[in-house]
Amino acid sequence: MLVEPVAFVLIGLLVGAFALAWHPEYFPPSRALTLGTAVVAALVSGVIAHYALGGALSALVLAISATGSALLVSVLARPEPAGRRAGAHRDGAGRHAGRRRPA
């Protein structure tokens, strides 16, 4: 019983570290927030999967834990820099540039 929560924490740390190593620019606010979210998500999704499957299929429970952790960490990702989110398109044109209003 003690092995699975430790495995869930390790999965969460691996998912969070992988996300920070793969795309560090996507997680600017706090590295601790990313790692903490990954660990908590892995624990919660792993415990839910463990009880839903009745304690059987350990490999599937671990896979569900990793998937749940990755999904919640992806919610934190911000792929565009903060300066570009003010409604302007990537090429600098406004949202409605080039459109004509009907007369």
PDB file of N, CA and C in Angstrom:
ATOM      1  N   MET A   1       0.815  -1.198   0.000  1.00  0.00           N
ATOM      2  CA  MET A   1       0.000   0.000   0.000  1.00  0.00           C
ATOM      3  C   MET A   1       0.856   1.259   0.000  1.00  0.00           C
ATOM      4  N   LEU A   2       2.022   1.195   0.577  1.00  0.00           N
ATOM      5  CA  LEU A   2       2.885   2.367   0.637  1.00  0.00           C
ATOM      6  C   LEU A   2       3.670   2.577  -0.661  1.00  0.00           C
ATOM      7  N   VAL A   3       3.800   1.530  -1.446  1.00  0.00           N
ATOM      8  CA  VAL A   3       4.597   1.626  -2.670  1.00  0.00           C
ATOM      9  C   VAL A   3       3.894   2.468  -3.737  1.00  0.00           C
ATOM     10  N   GLU A   4       2.589   2.328  -3.855  1.00  0.00           N
ATOM     11  CA  GLU A   4       1.882   3.055  -4.903  1.00  0.00           C
ATOM     12  C   GLU A   4       1.921   4.574  -4.717  1.00  0.00           C
ATOM     13  N   PRO A   5       1.668   5.122  -3.535  1.00  0.00           N
ATOM     14  CA  PRO A   5       1.770   6.584  -3.406  1.00  0.00           C
ATOM     15  C   PRO A   5       3.175   7.111  -3.699  1.00  0.00           C
ATOM     16  N   VAL A   6       4.184   6.353  -3.318  1.00  0.00           N
ATOM     17  CA  VAL A   6       5.554   6.767  -3.636  1.00  0.00           C
ATOM     18  C   VAL A   6       5.758   6.749  -5.149  1.00  0.00           C
ATOM     19  N   ALA A   7       5.214   5.731  -5.804  1.00  0.00           N
ATOM     20  CA  ALA A   7       5.309   5.663  -7.267  1.00  0.00           C
ATOM     21  C   ALA A   7       4.562   6.822  -7.916  1.00  0.00           C
ATOM     22  N   PHE A   8       3.401   7.203  -7.349  1.00  0.00           N
ATOM     23  CA  PHE A   8       2.649   8.325  -7.901  1.00  0.00           C
ATOM     24  C   PHE A   8       3.424   9.632  -7.759  1.00  0.00           C
ATOM     25  N   VAL A   9       4.073   9.828  -6.616  1.00  0.00           N
ATOM     26  CA  VAL A   9       4.876  11.036  -6.406  1.00  0.00           C
ATOM     27  C   VAL A   9       6.042  11.068  -7.390  1.00  0.00           C
ATOM     28  N   LEU A  10       6.700   9.934  -7.590  1.00  0.00           N
ATOM     29  CA  LEU A  10       7.815   9.875  -8.549  1.00  0.00           C
ATOM     30  C   LEU A  10       7.330  10.150  -9.971  1.00  0.00           C
ATOM     31  N   ILE A  11       6.175   9.611 -10.315  1.00  0.00           N
ATOM     32  CA  ILE A  11       5.609   9.885 -11.644  1.00  0.00           C
ATOM     33  C   ILE A  11       5.333  11.378 -11.794  1.00  0.00           C
ATOM     34  N   GLY A  12       4.753  11.990 -10.770  1.00  0.00           N
ATOM     35  CA  GLY A  12       4.480  13.424 -10.826  1.00  0.00           C
ATOM     36  C   GLY A  12       5.745  14.248 -10.973  1.00  0.00           C
ATOM     37  N   LEU A  13       6.779  13.883 -10.226  1.00  0.00           N
ATOM     38  CA  LEU A  13       8.048  14.602 -10.349  1.00  0.00           C
ATOM     39  C   LEU A  13       8.651  14.431 -11.738  1.00  0.00           C
ATOM     40  N   LEU A  14       8.555  13.227 -12.280  1.00  0.00           N
ATOM     41  CA  LEU A  14       9.085  12.995 -13.634  1.00  0.00           C
ATOM     42  C   LEU A  14       8.308  13.789 -14.681  1.00  0.00           C
ATOM     43  N   VAL A  15       6.992  13.798 -14.570  1.00  0.00           N
ATOM     44  CA  VAL A  15       6.174  14.544 -15.536  1.00  0.00           C
ATOM     45  C   VAL A  15       6.472  16.038 -15.446  1.00  0.00           C
ATOM     46  N   GLY A  16       6.546  16.564 -14.218  1.00  0.00           N
ATOM     47  CA  GLY A  16       6.839  17.990 -14.046  1.00  0.00           C
ATOM     48  C   GLY A  16       8.234  18.359 -14.524  1.00  0.00           C
ATOM     49  N   ALA A  17       9.222  17.531 -14.191  1.00  0.00           N
ATOM     50  CA  ALA A  17      10.593  17.798 -14.633  1.00  0.00           C
ATOM     51  C   ALA A  17      10.708  17.701 -16.148  1.00  0.00           C
ATOM     52  N   PHE A  18      10.020  16.741 -16.740  1.00  0.00           N
ATOM     53  CA  PHE A  18      10.050  16.602 -18.198  1.00  0.00           C
ATOM     54  C   PHE A  18       9.421  17.827 -18.864  1.00  0.00           C
ATOM     55  N   ALA A  19       8.306  18.306 -18.316  1.00  0.00           N
ATOM     56  CA  ALA A  19       7.657  19.493 -18.894  1.00  0.00           C
ATOM     57  C   ALA A  19       8.563  20.708 -18.786  1.00  0.00           C
ATOM     58  N   LEU A  20       9.219  20.876 -17.642  1.00  0.00           N
ATOM     59  CA  LEU A  20      10.115  22.023 -17.474  1.00  0.00           C
ATOM     60  C   LEU A  20      11.373  21.904 -18.326  1.00  0.00           C
ATOM     61  N   ALA A  21      11.850  20.702 -18.535  1.00  0.00           N
ATOM     62  CA  ALA A  21      13.048  20.515 -19.361  1.00  0.00           C
ATOM     63  C   ALA A  21      12.725  20.650 -20.849  1.00  0.00           C
ATOM     64  N   TRP A  22      11.564  20.172 -21.257  1.00  0.00           N
ATOM     65  CA  TRP A  22      11.207  20.169 -22.674  1.00  0.00           C
ATOM     66  C   TRP A  22      10.833  21.567 -23.164  1.00  0.00           C
ATOM     67  N   HIS A  23      10.015  22.286 -22.389  1.00  0.00           N
ATOM     68  CA  HIS A  23       9.569  23.634 -22.766  1.00  0.00           C
ATOM     69  C   HIS A  23       9.620  24.566 -21.559  1.00  0.00           C
ATOM     70  N   PRO A  24      10.791  24.994 -21.142  1.00  0.00           N
ATOM     71  CA  PRO A  24      10.858  25.865 -19.963  1.00  0.00           C
ATOM     72  C   PRO A  24      10.204  27.228 -20.182  1.00  0.00           C
ATOM     73  N   GLU A  25      10.139  27.696 -21.419  1.00  0.00           N
ATOM     74  CA  GLU A  25       9.536  29.007 -21.687  1.00  0.00           C
ATOM     75  C   GLU A  25       8.011  28.977 -21.545  1.00  0.00           C
ATOM     76  N   TYR A  26       7.400  27.811 -21.517  1.00  0.00           N
ATOM     77  CA  TYR A  26       5.954  27.705 -21.365  1.00  0.00           C
ATOM     78  C   TYR A  26       5.502  27.859 -19.914  1.00  0.00           C
ATOM     79  N   PHE A  27       6.422  27.767 -18.960  1.00  0.00           N
ATOM     80  CA  PHE A  27       6.083  27.806 -17.544  1.00  0.00           C
ATOM     81  C   PHE A  27       6.860  28.915 -16.831  1.00  0.00           C
ATOM     82  N   PRO A  28       6.609  30.179 -17.193  1.00  0.00           N
ATOM     83  CA  PRO A  28       7.405  31.265 -16.616  1.00  0.00           C
ATOM     84  C   PRO A  28       7.108  31.610 -15.165  1.00  0.00           C
ATOM     85  N   PRO A  29       5.860  31.517 -14.670  1.00  0.00           N
ATOM     86  CA  PRO A  29       5.611  32.066 -13.330  1.00  0.00           C
ATOM     87  C   PRO A  29       6.390  31.371 -12.222  1.00  0.00           C
ATOM     88  N   SER A  30       6.274  30.072 -12.117  1.00  0.00           N
ATOM     89  CA  SER A  30       6.889  29.399 -10.992  1.00  0.00           C
ATOM     90  C   SER A  30       7.171  27.946 -11.342  1.00  0.00           C
ATOM     91  N   ARG A  31       8.407  27.553 -11.156  1.00  0.00           N
ATOM     92  CA  ARG A  31       8.772  26.151 -11.388  1.00  0.00           C
ATOM     93  C   ARG A  31       8.158  25.265 -10.307  1.00  0.00           C
ATOM     94  N   ALA A  32       8.083  25.782  -9.074  1.00  0.00           N
ATOM     95  CA  ALA A  32       7.514  25.004  -7.973  1.00  0.00           C
ATOM     96  C   ALA A  32       6.026  24.726  -8.211  1.00  0.00           C
ATOM     97  N   LEU A  33       5.319  25.681  -8.818  1.00  0.00           N
ATOM     98  CA  LEU A  33       3.906  25.481  -9.122  1.00  0.00           C
ATOM     99  C   LEU A  33       3.734  24.338 -10.112  1.00  0.00           C
ATOM    100  N   THR A  34       4.595  24.288 -11.112  1.00  0.00           N
ATOM    101  CA  THR A  34       4.522  23.220 -12.108  1.00  0.00           C
ATOM    102  C   THR A  34       4.800  21.868 -11.475  1.00  0.00           C
ATOM    103  N   LEU A  35       5.856  21.772 -10.684  1.00  0.00           N
ATOM    104  CA  LEU A  35       6.182  20.500 -10.042  1.00  0.00           C
ATOM    105  C   LEU A  35       5.117  20.099  -9.025  1.00  0.00           C
ATOM    106  N   GLY A  36       4.640  21.054  -8.265  1.00  0.00           N
ATOM    107  CA  GLY A  36       3.601  20.748  -7.281  1.00  0.00           C
ATOM    108  C   GLY A  36       2.315  20.276  -7.920  1.00  0.00           C
ATOM    109  N   THR A  37       1.918  20.927  -9.007  1.00  0.00           N
ATOM    110  CA  THR A  37       0.721  20.517  -9.726  1.00  0.00           C
ATOM    111  C   THR A  37       0.884  19.112 -10.284  1.00  0.00           C
ATOM    112  N   ALA A  38       2.053  18.812 -10.813  1.00  0.00           N
ATOM    113  CA  ALA A  38       2.300  17.485 -11.371  1.00  0.00           C
ATOM    114  C   ALA A  38       2.215  16.406 -10.289  1.00  0.00           C
ATOM    115  N   VAL A  39       2.787  16.663  -9.130  1.00  0.00           N
ATOM    116  CA  VAL A  39       2.782  15.674  -8.049  1.00  0.00           C
ATOM    117  C   VAL A  39       1.369  15.463  -7.516  1.00  0.00           C
ATOM    118  N   VAL A  40       0.663  16.554  -7.233  1.00  0.00           N
ATOM    119  CA  VAL A  40      -0.699  16.431  -6.689  1.00  0.00           C
ATOM    120  C   VAL A  40      -1.623  15.763  -7.705  1.00  0.00           C
ATOM    121  N   ALA A  41      -1.503  16.123  -8.964  1.00  0.00           N
ATOM    122  CA  ALA A  41      -2.343  15.514  -9.998  1.00  0.00           C
ATOM    123  C   ALA A  41      -2.055  14.023 -10.133  1.00  0.00           C
ATOM    124  N   ALA A  42      -0.788  13.641 -10.056  1.00  0.00           N
ATOM    125  CA  ALA A  42      -0.447  12.219 -10.138  1.00  0.00           C
ATOM    126  C   ALA A  42      -0.999  11.461  -8.940  1.00  0.00           C
ATOM    127  N   LEU A  43      -0.897  12.044  -7.752  1.00  0.00           N
ATOM    128  CA  LEU A  43      -1.440  11.392  -6.558  1.00  0.00           C
ATOM    129  C   LEU A  43      -2.960  11.229  -6.648  1.00  0.00           C
ATOM    130  N   VAL A  44      -3.644  12.287  -6.976  1.00  0.00           N
ATOM    131  CA  VAL A  44      -5.107  12.241  -7.011  1.00  0.00           C
ATOM    132  C   VAL A  44      -5.595  11.294  -8.099  1.00  0.00           C
ATOM    133  N   SER A  45      -5.073  11.422  -9.295  1.00  0.00           N
ATOM    134  CA  SER A  45      -5.531  10.550 -10.381  1.00  0.00           C
ATOM    135  C   SER A  45      -5.132   9.098 -10.136  1.00  0.00           C
ATOM    136  N   GLY A  46      -3.987   8.876  -9.517  1.00  0.00           N
ATOM    137  CA  GLY A  46      -3.581   7.509  -9.200  1.00  0.00           C
ATOM    138  C   GLY A  46      -4.457   6.864  -8.147  1.00  0.00           C
ATOM    139  N   VAL A  47      -4.810   7.612  -7.113  1.00  0.00           N
ATOM    140  CA  VAL A  47      -5.686   7.075  -6.060  1.00  0.00           C
ATOM    141  C   VAL A  47      -7.081   6.800  -6.612  1.00  0.00           C
ATOM    142  N   ILE A  48      -7.599   7.715  -7.417  1.00  0.00           N
ATOM    143  CA  ILE A  48      -8.919   7.495  -8.019  1.00  0.00           C
ATOM    144  C   ILE A  48      -8.890   6.268  -8.923  1.00  0.00           C
ATOM    145  N   ALA A  49      -7.861   6.135  -9.742  1.00  0.00           N
ATOM    146  CA  ALA A  49      -7.756   4.969 -10.635  1.00  0.00           C
ATOM    147  C   ALA A  49      -7.596   3.678  -9.838  1.00  0.00           C
ATOM    148  N   HIS A  50      -6.846   3.728  -8.740  1.00  0.00           N
ATOM    149  CA  HIS A  50      -6.651   2.539  -7.909  1.00  0.00           C
ATOM    150  C   HIS A  50      -7.982   2.039  -7.354  1.00  0.00           C
ATOM    151  N   TYR A  51      -8.776   2.953  -6.818  1.00  0.00           N
ATOM    152  CA  TYR A  51     -10.062   2.549  -6.252  1.00  0.00           C
ATOM    153  C   TYR A  51     -11.088   2.212  -7.319  1.00  0.00           C
ATOM    154  N   ALA A  52     -11.022   2.866  -8.460  1.00  0.00           N
ATOM    155  CA  ALA A  52     -11.970   2.565  -9.542  1.00  0.00           C
ATOM    156  C   ALA A  52     -11.717   1.192 -10.145  1.00  0.00           C
ATOM    157  N   LEU A  53     -10.459   0.792 -10.209  1.00  0.00           N
ATOM    158  CA  LEU A  53     -10.121  -0.510 -10.773  1.00  0.00           C
ATOM    159  C   LEU A  53     -10.033  -1.603  -9.717  1.00  0.00           C
ATOM    160  N   GLY A  54     -10.303  -1.279  -8.486  1.00  0.00           N
ATOM    161  CA  GLY A  54     -10.310  -2.279  -7.430  1.00  0.00           C
ATOM    162  C   GLY A  54      -8.931  -2.757  -7.021  1.00  0.00           C
ATOM    163  N   GLY A  55      -7.914  -1.982  -7.245  1.00  0.00           N
ATOM    164  CA  GLY A  55      -6.562  -2.358  -6.844  1.00  0.00           C
ATOM    165  C   GLY A  55      -5.853  -3.277  -7.820  1.00  0.00           C
ATOM    166  N   ALA A  56      -6.519  -3.656  -8.893  1.00  0.00           N
ATOM    167  CA  ALA A  56      -5.894  -4.535  -9.891  1.00  0.00           C
ATOM    168  C   ALA A  56      -5.278  -3.690 -11.001  1.00  0.00           C
ATOM    169  N   LEU A  57      -4.556  -4.315 -11.866  1.00  0.00           N
ATOM    170  CA  LEU A  57      -3.970  -3.679 -13.044  1.00  0.00           C
ATOM    171  C   LEU A  57      -3.064  -2.506 -12.659  1.00  0.00           C
ATOM    172  N   SER A  58      -2.010  -2.782 -11.936  1.00  0.00           N
ATOM    173  CA  SER A  58      -1.112  -1.737 -11.443  1.00  0.00           C
ATOM    174  C   SER A  58      -0.492  -0.918 -12.562  1.00  0.00           C
ATOM    175  N   ALA A  59      -0.153  -1.559 -13.677  1.00  0.00           N
ATOM    176  CA  ALA A  59       0.452  -0.829 -14.795  1.00  0.00           C
ATOM    177  C   ALA A  59      -0.531   0.191 -15.364  1.00  0.00           C
ATOM    178  N   LEU A  60      -1.796  -0.204 -15.436  1.00  0.00           N
ATOM    179  CA  LEU A  60      -2.820   0.718 -15.944  1.00  0.00           C
ATOM    180  C   LEU A  60      -3.029   1.873 -14.977  1.00  0.00           C
ATOM    181  N   VAL A  61      -2.986   1.612 -13.679  1.00  0.00           N
ATOM    182  CA  VAL A  61      -3.133   2.666 -12.678  1.00  0.00           C
ATOM    183  C   VAL A  61      -1.981   3.659 -12.794  1.00  0.00           C
ATOM    184  N   LEU A  62      -0.773   3.166 -12.988  1.00  0.00           N
ATOM    185  CA  LEU A  62       0.384   4.048 -13.148  1.00  0.00           C
ATOM    186  C   LEU A  62       0.272   4.878 -14.429  1.00  0.00           C
ATOM    187  N   ALA A  63      -0.227   4.262 -15.494  1.00  0.00           N
ATOM    188  CA  ALA A  63      -0.400   4.996 -16.754  1.00  0.00           C
ATOM    189  C   ALA A  63      -1.465   6.083 -16.614  1.00  0.00           C
ATOM    190  N   ILE A  64      -2.542   5.779 -15.908  1.00  0.00           N
ATOM    191  CA  ILE A  64      -3.590   6.779 -15.681  1.00  0.00           C
ATOM    192  C   ILE A  64      -3.052   7.913 -14.823  1.00  0.00           C
ATOM    193  N   SER A  65      -2.226   7.577 -13.845  1.00  0.00           N
ATOM    194  CA  SER A  65      -1.610   8.599 -12.995  1.00  0.00           C
ATOM    195  C   SER A  65      -0.730   9.535 -13.819  1.00  0.00           C
ATOM    196  N   ALA A  66       0.072   8.991 -14.698  1.00  0.00           N
ATOM    197  CA  ALA A  66       0.937   9.816 -15.544  1.00  0.00           C
ATOM    198  C   ALA A  66       0.124  10.676 -16.506  1.00  0.00           C
ATOM    199  N   THR A  67      -0.941  10.111 -17.057  1.00  0.00           N
ATOM    200  CA  THR A  67      -1.784  10.857 -17.989  1.00  0.00           C
ATOM    201  C   THR A  67      -2.504  12.009 -17.289  1.00  0.00           C
ATOM    202  N   GLY A  68      -3.049  11.741 -16.114  1.00  0.00           N
ATOM    203  CA  GLY A  68      -3.718  12.799 -15.359  1.00  0.00           C
ATOM    204  C   GLY A  68      -2.767  13.916 -14.978  1.00  0.00           C
ATOM    205  N   SER A  69      -1.562  13.551 -14.600  1.00  0.00           N
ATOM    206  CA  SER A  69      -0.562  14.548 -14.254  1.00  0.00           C
ATOM    207  C   SER A  69      -0.182  15.397 -15.469  1.00  0.00           C
ATOM    208  N   ALA A  70       0.035  14.749 -16.588  1.00  0.00           N
ATOM    209  CA  ALA A  70       0.409  15.476 -17.805  1.00  0.00           C
ATOM    210  C   ALA A  70      -0.713  16.411 -18.272  1.00  0.00           C
ATOM    211  N   LEU A  71      -1.953  15.955 -18.138  1.00  0.00           N
ATOM    212  CA  LEU A  71      -3.074  16.805 -18.557  1.00  0.00           C
ATOM    213  C   LEU A  71      -3.181  18.063 -17.695  1.00  0.00           C
ATOM    214  N   LEU A  72      -3.030  17.920 -16.395  1.00  0.00           N
ATOM    215  CA  LEU A  72      -3.146  19.098 -15.545  1.00  0.00           C
ATOM    216  C   LEU A  72      -1.936  20.025 -15.651  1.00  0.00           C
ATOM    217  N   VAL A  73      -0.764  19.476 -15.907  1.00  0.00           N
ATOM    218  CA  VAL A  73       0.406  20.338 -16.122  1.00  0.00           C
ATOM    219  C   VAL A  73       0.254  21.112 -17.430  1.00  0.00           C
ATOM    220  N   SER A  74      -0.365  20.492 -18.428  1.00  0.00           N
ATOM    221  CA  SER A  74      -0.545  21.192 -19.703  1.00  0.00           C
ATOM    222  C   SER A  74      -1.484  22.383 -19.569  1.00  0.00           C
ATOM    223  N   VAL A  75      -2.348  22.377 -18.557  1.00  0.00           N
ATOM    224  CA  VAL A  75      -3.233  23.521 -18.327  1.00  0.00           C
ATOM    225  C   VAL A  75      -2.416  24.746 -17.913  1.00  0.00           C
ATOM    226  N   LEU A  76      -1.303  24.526 -17.234  1.00  0.00           N
ATOM    227  CA  LEU A  76      -0.458  25.638 -16.788  1.00  0.00           C
ATOM    228  C   LEU A  76       0.380  26.254 -17.896  1.00  0.00           C
ATOM    229  N   ALA A  77       0.557  25.547 -19.001  1.00  0.00           N
ATOM    230  CA  ALA A  77       1.451  26.003 -20.066  1.00  0.00           C
ATOM    231  C   ALA A  77       0.918  27.268 -20.722  1.00  0.00           C
ATOM    232  N   ARG A  78       1.810  28.217 -20.957  1.00  0.00           N
ATOM    233  CA  ARG A  78       1.479  29.462 -21.652  1.00  0.00           C
ATOM    234  C   ARG A  78       2.447  29.612 -22.819  1.00  0.00           C
ATOM    235  N   PRO A  79       2.054  29.172 -24.003  1.00  0.00           N
ATOM    236  CA  PRO A  79       2.980  29.152 -25.125  1.00  0.00           C
ATOM    237  C   PRO A  79       3.364  30.499 -25.701  1.00  0.00           C
ATOM    238  N   GLU A  80       2.563  31.545 -25.498  1.00  0.00           N
ATOM    239  CA  GLU A  80       2.890  32.851 -26.049  1.00  0.00           C
ATOM    240  C   GLU A  80       3.379  33.772 -24.946  1.00  0.00           C
ATOM    241  N   PRO A  81       4.337  34.629 -25.256  1.00  0.00           N
ATOM    242  CA  PRO A  81       4.786  35.613 -24.258  1.00  0.00           C
ATOM    243  C   PRO A  81       3.648  36.541 -23.853  1.00  0.00           C
ATOM    244  N   ALA A  82       3.749  37.115 -22.676  1.00  0.00           N
ATOM    245  CA  ALA A  82       2.672  37.936 -22.123  1.00  0.00           C
ATOM    246  C   ALA A  82       2.374  39.165 -22.973  1.00  0.00           C
ATOM    247  N   GLY A  83       3.351  39.728 -23.644  1.00  0.00           N
ATOM    248  CA  GLY A  83       3.145  40.932 -24.437  1.00  0.00           C
ATOM    249  C   GLY A  83       2.295  40.719 -25.661  1.00  0.00           C
ATOM    250  N   ARG A  84       2.185  39.513 -26.114  1.00  0.00           N
ATOM    251  CA  ARG A  84       1.448  39.245 -27.346  1.00  0.00           C
ATOM    252  C   ARG A  84      -0.002  38.844 -27.103  1.00  0.00           C
ATOM    253  N   ARG A  85      -0.421  38.720 -25.862  1.00  0.00           N
ATOM    254  CA  ARG A  85      -1.779  38.277 -25.573  1.00  0.00           C
ATOM    255  C   ARG A  85      -2.784  39.408 -25.509  1.00  0.00           C
ATOM    256  N   ALA A  86      -2.411  40.601 -25.891  1.00  0.00           N
ATOM    257  CA  ALA A  86      -3.300  41.748 -25.739  1.00  0.00           C
ATOM    258  C   ALA A  86      -4.245  41.922 -26.922  1.00  0.00           C
ATOM    259  N   GLY A  87      -4.555  40.886 -27.645  1.00  0.00           N
ATOM    260  CA  GLY A  87      -5.502  40.963 -28.742  1.00  0.00           C
ATOM    261  C   GLY A  87      -4.857  41.120 -30.103  1.00  0.00           C
ATOM    262  N   ALA A  88      -3.565  41.326 -30.151  1.00  0.00           N
ATOM    263  CA  ALA A  88      -2.886  41.475 -31.440  1.00  0.00           C
ATOM    264  C   ALA A  88      -2.523  40.101 -31.984  1.00  0.00           C
ATOM    265  N   HIS A  89      -2.539  40.001 -33.274  1.00  0.00           N
ATOM    266  CA  HIS A  89      -2.149  38.755 -33.932  1.00  0.00           C
ATOM    267  C   HIS A  89      -0.635  38.653 -33.925  1.00  0.00           C
ATOM    268  N   ARG A  90      -0.103  37.488 -34.201  1.00  0.00           N
ATOM    269  CA  ARG A  90       1.350  37.274 -34.155  1.00  0.00           C
ATOM    270  C   ARG A  90       2.120  38.158 -35.118  1.00  0.00           C
ATOM    271  N   ASP A  91       1.520  38.498 -36.256  1.00  0.00           N
ATOM    272  CA  ASP A  91       2.236  39.335 -37.214  1.00  0.00           C
ATOM    273  C   ASP A  91       2.104  40.826 -36.892  1.00  0.00           C
ATOM    274  N   GLY A  92       1.442  41.158 -35.794  1.00  0.00           N
ATOM    275  CA  GLY A  92       1.333  42.546 -35.369  1.00  0.00           C
ATOM    276  C   GLY A  92       0.052  43.228 -35.806  1.00  0.00           C
ATOM    277  N   ALA A  93      -0.678  42.617 -36.713  1.00  0.00           N
ATOM    278  CA  ALA A  93      -1.926  43.220 -37.166  1.00  0.00           C
ATOM    279  C   ALA A  93      -3.005  43.000 -36.114  1.00  0.00           C
ATOM    280  N   GLY A  94      -3.930  43.913 -36.050  1.00  0.00           N
ATOM    281  CA  GLY A  94      -5.036  43.778 -35.103  1.00  0.00           C
ATOM    282  C   GLY A  94      -5.964  42.657 -35.528  1.00  0.00           C
ATOM    283  N   ARG A  95      -6.891  42.343 -34.669  1.00  0.00           N
ATOM    284  CA  ARG A  95      -7.800  41.235 -34.922  1.00  0.00           C
ATOM    285  C   ARG A  95      -8.660  41.477 -36.158  1.00  0.00           C
ATOM    286  N   HIS A  96      -9.073  42.700 -36.374  1.00  0.00           N
ATOM    287  CA  HIS A  96      -9.968  43.010 -37.493  1.00  0.00           C
ATOM    288  C   HIS A  96      -9.265  43.836 -38.573  1.00  0.00           C
ATOM    289  N   ALA A  97      -7.989  43.731 -38.683  1.00  0.00           N
ATOM    290  CA  ALA A  97      -7.263  44.505 -39.692  1.00  0.00           C
ATOM    291  C   ALA A  97      -7.648  44.032 -41.095  1.00  0.00           C
ATOM    292  N   GLY A  98      -7.898  44.960 -41.948  1.00  0.00           N
ATOM    293  CA  GLY A  98      -8.206  44.629 -43.338  1.00  0.00           C
ATOM    294  C   GLY A  98      -9.682  44.420 -43.618  1.00  0.00           C
ATOM    295  N   ARG A  99     -10.507  44.398 -42.601  1.00  0.00           N
ATOM    296  CA  ARG A  99     -11.935  44.219 -42.814  1.00  0.00           C
ATOM    297  C   ARG A  99     -12.607  45.576 -43.033  1.00  0.00           C
ATOM    298  N   ARG A 100     -13.601  45.558 -43.874  1.00  0.00           N
ATOM    299  CA  ARG A 100     -14.358  46.775 -44.113  1.00  0.00           C
ATOM    300  C   ARG A 100     -15.706  46.662 -43.434  1.00  0.00           C
ATOM    301  N   ARG A 101     -16.155  47.777 -42.916  1.00  0.00           N
ATOM    302  CA  ARG A 101     -17.503  47.795 -42.349  1.00  0.00           C
ATOM    303  C   ARG A 101     -18.495  48.061 -43.453  1.00  0.00           C
ATOM    304  N   PRO A 102     -19.623  47.410 -43.380  1.00  0.00           N
ATOM    305  CA  PRO A 102     -20.646  47.693 -44.406  1.00  0.00           C
ATOM    306  C   PRO A 102     -21.185  49.107 -44.258  1.00  0.00           C
ATOM    307  N   ALA A 103     -21.404  49.729 -45.401  1.00  0.00           N
ATOM    308  CA  ALA A 103     -21.881  51.132 -45.390  1.00  0.00           C
ATOM    309  C   ALA A 103     -23.343  51.237 -45.135  1.00  0.00           C
TER     310      ALA A 103
END
